[in-house]
Amino acid sequence: QVQLVESGGGLVQTGGSLRLSCAITGSMFDPEVMGWYRQAPGKQRELVASATVDFRLKYGDTAKGRFTVFRDNDKNTVSLQMTNLEAADTAFYYCHADYGLSLPFWGQGTQVTVSS
């Protein structure tokens, strides 16, 4: 059974950095797309960053210039390096894997809180 295990969330001050990591277990194939979404209270889930199996990268508007997504197909992992964090980045961050065959897989989420 495919599972996505996230780590690296926590509390950070404005302007600080965090790195989120996600490892996929139980999968024999590389997802077509892996990445990160986030959801803040009262808001819809939104794309943060994603990477295709051939490393085409996509970023949400709020992430451009501050966040970087890394994908490792050998280890079946995807990471998100976040810098210059702002209070508006406070949200639950979810790892995402789409094999392009059926519904995508989601991790349970990790909380990121940015305090001023």
Protein backbone atom coordinates (compact mmCIF):
# COMPACT_ATOMS: atom_id res chain seq x y z
CA GLN A 1 0.00 0.00 0.00
CA VAL A 2 1.38 3.38 -0.97
CA GLN A 3 2.04 5.71 1.93
CA LEU A 4 3.50 9.21 2.07
CA VAL A 5 5.39 10.07 5.23
CA GLU A 6 6.14 13.74 5.87
CA SER A 7 8.58 15.34 8.27
CA GLY A 8 10.16 18.68 9.00
CA GLY A 9 7.31 20.97 9.98
CA GLY A 10 7.36 23.13 13.07
CA LEU A 11 7.51 26.64 14.44
CA VAL A 12 9.80 29.24 12.91
CA GLN A 13 10.14 32.99 13.14
CA THR A 14 9.41 35.36 10.29
CA GLY A 15 12.30 35.37 7.86
CA GLY A 16 13.44 31.92 8.92
CA SER A 17 13.77 28.70 6.94
CA LEU A 18 12.39 25.18 7.10
CA ARG A 19 12.84 22.07 5.05
CA LEU A 20 10.01 19.59 4.60
CA SER A 21 10.64 16.04 3.45
CA CYS A 22 8.34 13.34 2.16
CA ALA A 23 9.16 9.71 1.56
CA ILE A 24 6.94 7.30 -0.37
CA THR A 25 6.78 3.73 0.81
CA GLY A 26 5.04 0.71 -0.68
CA SER A 27 5.44 1.87 -4.27
CA MET A 28 7.21 0.02 -7.05
CA PHE A 29 6.90 2.87 -9.54
CA ASP A 30 7.82 6.54 -9.73
CA PRO A 31 4.87 8.92 -9.45
CA GLU A 32 4.34 11.08 -12.50
CA VAL A 33 4.16 14.11 -10.22
CA MET A 34 5.29 14.64 -6.64
CA GLY A 35 4.99 17.81 -4.67
CA TRP A 36 3.53 19.87 -1.90
CA TYR A 37 0.22 21.56 -1.27
CA ARG A 38 -0.82 23.61 1.71
CA GLN A 39 -4.04 24.57 3.41
CA ALA A 40 -4.50 27.40 5.86
CA PRO A 41 -7.57 27.66 8.11
CA GLY A 42 -10.60 28.82 6.15
CA LYS A 43 -8.81 28.58 2.82
CA GLN A 44 -8.69 26.10 -0.03
CA ARG A 45 -5.80 23.74 -0.51
CA GLU A 46 -3.31 25.26 -2.92
CA LEU A 47 -0.26 24.12 -4.83
CA VAL A 48 3.06 25.09 -3.32
CA ALA A 49 5.46 23.27 -5.63
CA SER A 50 5.66 20.11 -7.68
CA ALA A 51 8.14 18.13 -9.77
CA THR A 52 7.43 15.68 -12.56
CA VAL A 53 9.34 12.42 -12.94
CA ASP A 54 11.56 14.17 -15.51
CA PHE A 55 12.09 17.12 -13.17
CA ARG A 56 9.86 19.75 -14.67
CA LEU A 57 9.14 22.06 -11.76
CA LYS A 58 6.04 24.08 -11.02
CA TYR A 59 5.54 26.64 -8.26
CA GLY A 60 2.53 28.37 -6.81
CA ASP A 61 2.64 32.15 -6.95
CA THR A 62 3.38 32.52 -3.24
CA ALA A 63 6.33 30.14 -3.41
CA LYS A 64 8.21 31.60 -6.37
CA GLY A 65 11.59 32.94 -5.41
CA ARG A 66 11.43 31.68 -1.84
CA PHE A 67 10.78 27.94 -1.99
CA THR A 68 12.62 25.20 -3.86
CA VAL A 69 11.37 21.69 -4.52
CA PHE A 70 13.75 18.75 -4.79
CA ARG A 71 12.87 15.34 -6.08
CA ASP A 72 14.94 12.17 -5.80
CA ASN A 73 13.61 9.33 -7.94
CA ASP A 74 16.14 6.85 -6.59
CA LYS A 75 14.98 7.41 -3.02
CA ASN A 76 11.36 8.16 -3.94
CA THR A 77 11.41 11.37 -1.95
CA VAL A 78 10.41 14.96 -2.46
CA SER A 79 11.57 17.86 -0.30
CA LEU A 80 10.63 21.49 0.00
CA GLN A 81 13.18 24.04 1.10
CA MET A 82 11.40 27.15 2.35
CA THR A 83 13.22 30.41 3.00
CA ASN A 84 12.23 33.91 4.05
CA LEU A 85 9.08 32.56 5.63
CA GLU A 86 6.16 34.88 6.31
CA ALA A 87 3.18 34.66 8.62
CA ALA A 88 1.04 34.01 5.54
CA ASP A 89 2.94 30.74 5.01
CA THR A 90 1.40 29.31 8.18
CA ALA A 91 -0.58 26.26 7.08
CA PHE A 92 -0.77 22.51 7.02
CA TYR A 93 1.55 21.24 4.30
CA TYR A 94 0.64 18.05 2.46
CA CYS A 95 2.84 15.82 0.37
CA HIS A 96 1.23 14.71 -2.88
CA ALA A 97 1.97 11.92 -5.35
CA ASP A 98 0.12 11.39 -8.59
CA TYR A 99 0.73 8.27 -10.68
CA GLY A 100 -1.63 9.48 -13.38
CA LEU A 101 -3.74 6.34 -13.13
CA SER A 102 -6.35 7.08 -10.49
CA LEU A 103 -6.76 9.37 -7.54
CA PRO A 104 -3.53 10.89 -6.21
CA PHE A 105 -2.06 9.96 -2.85
CA TRP A 106 -1.73 12.38 0.04
CA GLY A 107 0.30 12.45 3.20
CA GLN A 108 -1.28 13.23 6.54
CA GLY A 109 0.20 16.70 6.58
CA THR A 110 2.67 18.59 8.69
CA GLN A 111 2.04 21.90 10.41
CA VAL A 112 4.18 24.91 9.61
CA THR A 113 3.72 27.93 11.86
CA VAL A 114 5.51 31.20 11.22
CA SER A 115 5.50 33.64 14.11
CA SER A 116 6.42 37.30 14.10
